[in-house]
């Protein structure tokens, strides 16, 4: 495993990319509502990214014939991650996880947020609240001297206490000039186990949490991952720099939540009070 600790100059570039991906999701948030297609959301994201002098980080990602065709991953209800945008319209009650990547001046930004299309059920709101909280708890463990297992254990404890399934097959990752760098960052684990965290390590922490069991399956398109039991899933992601004492979170949900606070159904209130 080759882990590259970032210099302050590199972190400055990553901070700019993280801000751009955060602002992109804020733009997309304005359009998430019943009746919109995920392809329309994808167009919004790509237009905004290119207007900022950057390029989509996901479009064309992969190898050979298995190349991701879009700017966003839009995963609806029981789709966990890597859903491909298309002509399906969102309906009231849908959960849609939107994962976005950008490349700005050679550095990647990567973030994800689970949105509600209209009003969602109490069970799905609880799933989102718990997943959001688990991300925050995992981030707090991203400090110098801790271990990767401390991050995963914190996420796992929050989610399993509420009866939710923590996906095992999909994990967070390092990030820099490549979208996926070492190390892998699982959302489960044991305190005190795994690689020791060092200052300058830049990682994406991204709990993918199911309302039912943790099992998943991949569709024939080679990308879309669904829950094995057909129950909904939620996904949130931050870019984080490991620091001494307190982690530095490079991405922000503030742009998203400023938009959501103006909607009749305020997911931000649900999450903050969760």
Protein backbone atom coordinates (compact mmCIF):
# COMPACT_ATOMS: atom_id res chain seq x y z
CA UNK A 1 0.00 0.00 0.00
CA UNK A 2 1.49 3.33 -1.12
CA UNK A 3 0.14 6.21 0.96
CA UNK A 4 1.06 9.76 -0.03
CA UNK A 5 0.95 12.36 2.74
CA UNK A 6 0.08 15.73 1.27
CA UNK A 7 2.09 18.92 1.61
CA UNK A 8 0.35 22.14 2.60
CA UNK A 9 0.61 23.28 -1.02
CA UNK A 10 -1.15 20.11 -2.19
CA UNK A 11 -3.80 20.50 0.51
CA UNK A 12 -4.46 24.03 -0.73
CA UNK A 13 -5.24 22.62 -4.18
CA UNK A 14 -7.45 19.92 -2.64
CA UNK A 15 -9.24 22.56 -0.57
CA UNK A 16 -10.14 24.43 -3.77
CA UNK A 17 -11.35 21.25 -5.47
CA UNK A 18 -13.38 20.35 -2.38
CA UNK A 19 -15.03 23.76 -2.35
CA UNK A 20 -15.94 23.39 -6.02
CA UNK A 21 -17.52 19.96 -5.58
CA UNK A 22 -19.42 21.30 -2.56
CA UNK A 23 -20.71 24.26 -4.57
CA UNK A 24 -21.69 21.93 -7.40
CA UNK A 25 -23.86 19.84 -5.09
CA UNK A 26 -25.36 23.08 -3.81
CA UNK A 27 -26.37 23.96 -7.38
CA UNK A 28 -27.82 20.50 -7.95
CA UNK A 29 -29.81 20.78 -4.70
CA UNK A 30 -31.92 23.55 -6.28
CA UNK A 31 -33.37 21.07 -8.78
CA UNK A 32 -33.97 17.92 -6.71
CA UNK A 33 -37.75 17.58 -6.68
CA UNK A 34 -40.49 15.26 -7.95
CA UNK A 35 -40.68 15.30 -11.75
CA UNK A 36 -37.02 16.01 -12.46
CA UNK A 37 -34.96 13.35 -14.21
CA UNK A 38 -31.53 12.36 -12.98
CA UNK A 39 -30.18 13.19 -16.44
CA UNK A 40 -31.34 16.78 -15.92
CA UNK A 41 -29.50 16.89 -12.60
CA UNK A 42 -26.42 15.58 -14.37
CA UNK A 43 -26.60 18.37 -16.93
CA UNK A 44 -26.82 20.98 -14.17
CA UNK A 45 -23.72 19.57 -12.50
CA UNK A 46 -21.63 19.30 -15.66
CA UNK A 47 -22.54 22.79 -16.81
CA UNK A 48 -21.60 24.29 -13.46
CA UNK A 49 -18.30 22.40 -13.19
CA UNK A 50 -17.14 23.39 -16.66
CA UNK A 51 -18.18 27.02 -16.06
CA UNK A 52 -15.69 27.05 -13.17
CA UNK A 53 -12.76 25.95 -15.34
CA UNK A 54 -12.80 22.36 -14.08
CA UNK A 55 -13.85 19.01 -15.53
CA UNK A 56 -16.11 16.26 -14.17
CA UNK A 57 -14.14 13.76 -12.12
CA UNK A 58 -16.34 10.71 -12.75
CA UNK A 59 -17.15 11.01 -16.46
CA UNK A 60 -14.95 8.57 -18.35
CA UNK A 61 -13.61 7.01 -15.15
CA UNK A 62 -12.83 3.31 -15.38
CA UNK A 63 -11.07 0.91 -17.71
CA UNK A 64 -11.84 -0.60 -21.09
CA UNK A 65 -15.55 -0.91 -21.77
CA UNK A 66 -16.51 -0.32 -18.13
CA UNK A 67 -16.32 3.47 -18.14
CA UNK A 68 -18.68 5.66 -16.16
CA UNK A 69 -20.73 7.71 -18.62
CA UNK A 70 -21.88 10.67 -16.53
CA UNK A 71 -20.87 13.54 -14.25
CA UNK A 72 -22.96 12.43 -11.25
CA UNK A 73 -23.72 9.12 -9.62
CA UNK A 74 -27.46 9.31 -8.89
CA UNK A 75 -28.63 6.40 -6.77
CA UNK A 76 -32.35 6.17 -6.00
CA UNK A 77 -33.88 4.34 -3.02
CA UNK A 78 -32.37 0.81 -2.96
CA UNK A 79 -29.51 1.88 -5.22
CA UNK A 80 -26.57 2.29 -2.86
CA UNK A 81 -24.02 3.99 -5.14
CA UNK A 82 -22.92 4.43 -8.77
CA UNK A 83 -26.40 4.85 -10.22
CA UNK A 84 -26.22 6.11 -13.81
CA UNK A 85 -28.30 9.22 -14.61
CA UNK A 86 -31.15 8.63 -17.05
CA UNK A 87 -34.71 9.51 -17.98
CA UNK A 88 -36.42 8.17 -14.85
CA UNK A 89 -38.27 10.97 -13.06
CA UNK A 90 -38.01 11.34 -9.30
CA UNK A 91 -41.29 10.93 -7.43
CA UNK A 92 -42.28 12.23 -4.02
CA UNK A 93 -40.84 10.00 -1.33
CA UNK A 94 -37.70 9.04 -3.24
CA UNK A 95 -34.29 9.14 -1.64
CA UNK A 96 -31.54 10.02 -4.09
CA UNK A 97 -27.88 9.83 -3.20
CA UNK A 98 -25.90 12.20 -5.41
CA UNK A 99 -22.15 11.64 -5.56
CA UNK A 100 -20.05 14.16 -7.48
CA UNK A 101 -16.40 14.42 -8.47
CA UNK A 102 -14.43 17.28 -10.02
CA UNK A 103 -10.88 17.81 -11.23
CA UNK A 104 -9.53 21.31 -10.68
CA UNK A 105 -5.91 22.13 -11.57
CA UNK A 106 -5.08 18.42 -11.50
CA UNK A 107 -6.59 17.68 -8.08
CA UNK A 108 -9.81 15.82 -7.29
CA UNK A 109 -12.78 16.87 -5.21
CA UNK A 110 -15.32 14.22 -4.17
CA UNK A 111 -18.47 14.51 -2.05
CA UNK A 112 -21.91 12.93 -1.70
CA UNK A 113 -25.25 13.79 -0.10
CA UNK A 114 -28.58 11.98 0.12
CA UNK A 115 -31.53 14.15 -0.89
CA UNK A 116 -35.26 13.77 -0.38
CA UNK A 117 -37.54 14.28 -3.36
CA UNK A 118 -40.58 15.78 -1.66
CA UNK A 119 -41.60 14.32 1.70
CA UNK A 120 -40.06 11.02 2.74
CA UNK A 121 -41.14 8.43 5.28
CA UNK A 122 -40.10 8.60 8.92
CA UNK A 123 -38.10 5.41 8.44
CA UNK A 124 -36.13 6.90 5.55
CA UNK A 125 -35.62 10.18 7.42
CA UNK A 126 -34.23 8.20 10.36
CA UNK A 127 -31.86 6.37 8.00
CA UNK A 128 -30.58 9.67 6.64
CA UNK A 129 -30.18 11.19 10.10
CA UNK A 130 -28.21 8.22 11.38
CA UNK A 131 -25.99 8.01 8.29
CA UNK A 132 -25.27 11.75 8.51
CA UNK A 133 -24.45 11.44 12.21
CA UNK A 134 -22.19 8.45 11.57
CA UNK A 135 -20.21 10.48 9.04
CA UNK A 136 -19.66 13.19 11.62
CA UNK A 137 -18.58 10.62 14.22
CA UNK A 138 -16.18 9.00 11.77
CA UNK A 139 -14.67 12.35 10.83
CA UNK A 140 -13.90 13.13 14.47
CA UNK A 141 -11.63 10.07 14.58
CA UNK A 142 -9.50 11.27 11.64
CA UNK A 143 -6.70 12.66 13.80
CA UNK A 144 -2.99 11.99 14.03
CA UNK A 145 -2.19 8.86 16.03
CA UNK A 146 -5.56 7.18 15.62
CA UNK A 147 -6.02 4.20 13.31
CA UNK A 148 -8.29 3.49 10.36
CA UNK A 149 -10.24 1.07 12.52
CA UNK A 150 -11.20 3.94 14.82
CA UNK A 151 -13.02 5.66 11.95
CA UNK A 152 -14.85 2.51 10.87
CA UNK A 153 -15.73 1.50 14.44
CA UNK A 154 -17.27 4.91 15.14
CA UNK A 155 -19.43 4.76 12.02
CA UNK A 156 -20.45 1.16 12.63
CA UNK A 157 -21.41 1.79 16.26
CA UNK A 158 -23.77 4.65 15.39
CA UNK A 159 -25.50 2.81 12.54
CA UNK A 160 -25.84 -0.62 14.09
CA UNK A 161 -27.20 0.89 17.31
CA UNK A 162 -30.16 2.08 15.22
CA UNK A 163 -30.53 -1.27 13.47
CA UNK A 164 -29.08 -0.30 10.09
CA UNK A 165 -26.75 -2.34 7.87
CA UNK A 166 -23.23 -1.06 7.21
CA UNK A 167 -22.12 -1.97 3.69
CA UNK A 168 -18.89 -3.99 3.71
CA UNK A 169 -18.06 -4.29 0.01
CA UNK A 170 -17.73 -0.54 -0.58
CA UNK A 171 -15.36 1.76 1.29
CA UNK A 172 -13.94 5.26 1.44
CA UNK A 173 -10.51 6.07 0.05
CA UNK A 174 -7.54 8.36 -0.16
CA UNK A 175 -7.73 11.25 -2.61
CA UNK A 176 -5.34 13.62 -4.35
CA UNK A 177 -4.19 13.74 -7.95
CA UNK A 178 -6.06 10.43 -8.33
CA UNK A 179 -9.70 9.91 -7.42
CA UNK A 180 -8.99 6.72 -5.52
CA UNK A 181 -5.72 6.52 -3.62
CA UNK A 182 -4.56 4.37 -0.75
CA UNK A 183 -5.62 3.73 1.90
CA UNK A 184 -9.08 2.20 1.76
CA UNK A 185 -11.32 3.57 4.53
CA UNK A 186 -13.92 0.99 5.66
CA UNK A 187 -17.11 2.02 7.46
CA UNK A 188 -16.71 -0.81 9.95
CA UNK A 189 -13.85 -2.01 12.09
CA UNK A 190 -12.37 -2.18 15.56
CA UNK A 191 -10.86 0.61 17.61
CA UNK A 192 -7.08 0.50 17.68
CA UNK A 193 -6.73 -1.64 14.56
CA UNK A 194 -5.56 -0.82 11.05
CA UNK A 195 -3.06 1.64 9.61
CA UNK A 196 -1.99 4.48 11.91
CA UNK A 197 -3.19 7.89 10.74
CA UNK A 198 -0.53 10.52 10.04
CA UNK A 199 -0.84 14.26 9.53
CA UNK A 200 -1.31 15.19 5.89
CA UNK A 201 -3.22 12.05 4.95
CA UNK A 202 -6.22 13.13 2.87
CA UNK A 203 -9.15 10.74 2.74
CA UNK A 204 -12.79 10.48 1.76
CA UNK A 205 -15.00 9.16 4.55
CA UNK A 206 -18.30 7.98 3.09
CA UNK A 207 -20.69 5.78 5.06
CA UNK A 208 -23.04 3.80 2.82
CA UNK A 209 -25.77 2.57 5.12
CA UNK A 210 -28.79 0.37 4.38
CA UNK A 211 -32.15 0.45 6.10
CA UNK A 212 -32.04 -3.35 6.17
CA UNK A 213 -29.12 -5.78 5.92
CA UNK A 214 -25.66 -4.86 4.72
CA UNK A 215 -25.71 -7.11 1.64
CA UNK A 216 -25.46 -5.57 -1.84
CA UNK A 217 -25.38 -6.68 -5.47
CA UNK A 218 -24.10 -5.05 -8.66
CA UNK A 219 -26.35 -4.74 -11.70
CA UNK A 220 -25.47 -5.89 -15.21
CA UNK A 221 -24.37 -2.36 -16.20
CA UNK A 222 -21.26 -2.99 -14.12
CA UNK A 223 -21.79 0.11 -11.99
CA UNK A 224 -25.09 0.37 -10.15
CA UNK A 225 -24.98 -1.23 -6.70
CA UNK A 226 -28.29 -2.11 -5.02
CA UNK A 227 -29.20 -3.43 -1.60
CA UNK A 228 -29.70 -7.19 -1.64
CA UNK A 229 -33.03 -6.94 0.20
CA UNK A 230 -34.48 -4.04 -1.80
CA UNK A 231 -34.63 -1.61 1.14
CA UNK A 232 -33.38 1.98 0.78
CA UNK A 233 -29.82 3.13 1.37
CA UNK A 234 -28.22 6.47 2.29
CA UNK A 235 -24.77 7.87 1.53
CA UNK A 236 -22.87 10.96 2.68
CA UNK A 237 -19.23 11.81 1.96
CA UNK A 238 -16.64 14.33 3.14
CA UNK A 239 -13.03 14.93 2.15
CA UNK A 240 -10.91 15.15 5.29
CA UNK A 241 -7.29 15.96 6.12
CA UNK A 242 -5.84 14.12 9.10
CA UNK A 243 -4.48 16.71 11.52
CA UNK A 244 -3.10 16.80 15.06
CA UNK A 245 -5.93 17.25 17.56
CA UNK A 246 -8.77 18.06 15.14
CA UNK A 247 -9.43 16.89 11.57
CA UNK A 248 -9.80 19.42 8.77
CA UNK A 249 -12.95 18.84 6.73
CA UNK A 250 -12.35 20.16 3.22
CA UNK A 251 -15.86 19.70 1.82
CA UNK A 252 -18.95 21.32 3.24
CA UNK A 253 -22.69 20.65 3.10
CA UNK A 254 -23.48 24.30 3.87
CA UNK A 255 -24.23 25.18 0.23
CA UNK A 256 -26.70 22.28 0.04
CA UNK A 257 -28.32 22.99 3.35
CA UNK A 258 -28.77 26.69 2.62
CA UNK A 259 -30.89 25.59 -0.38
CA UNK A 260 -32.77 22.90 1.54
CA UNK A 261 -33.63 25.31 4.35
CA UNK A 262 -35.84 27.21 1.93
CA UNK A 263 -37.90 24.15 0.96
CA UNK A 264 -41.27 23.17 2.50
CA UNK A 265 -39.74 19.89 3.68
CA UNK A 266 -36.50 20.78 5.43
CA UNK A 267 -34.14 17.83 5.44
CA UNK A 268 -31.57 20.01 7.20
CA UNK A 269 -33.84 20.37 10.22
CA UNK A 270 -34.37 16.63 10.31
CA UNK A 271 -30.64 15.99 10.14
CA UNK A 272 -29.67 18.58 12.72
CA UNK A 273 -32.28 17.29 15.14
CA UNK A 274 -31.51 13.64 14.40
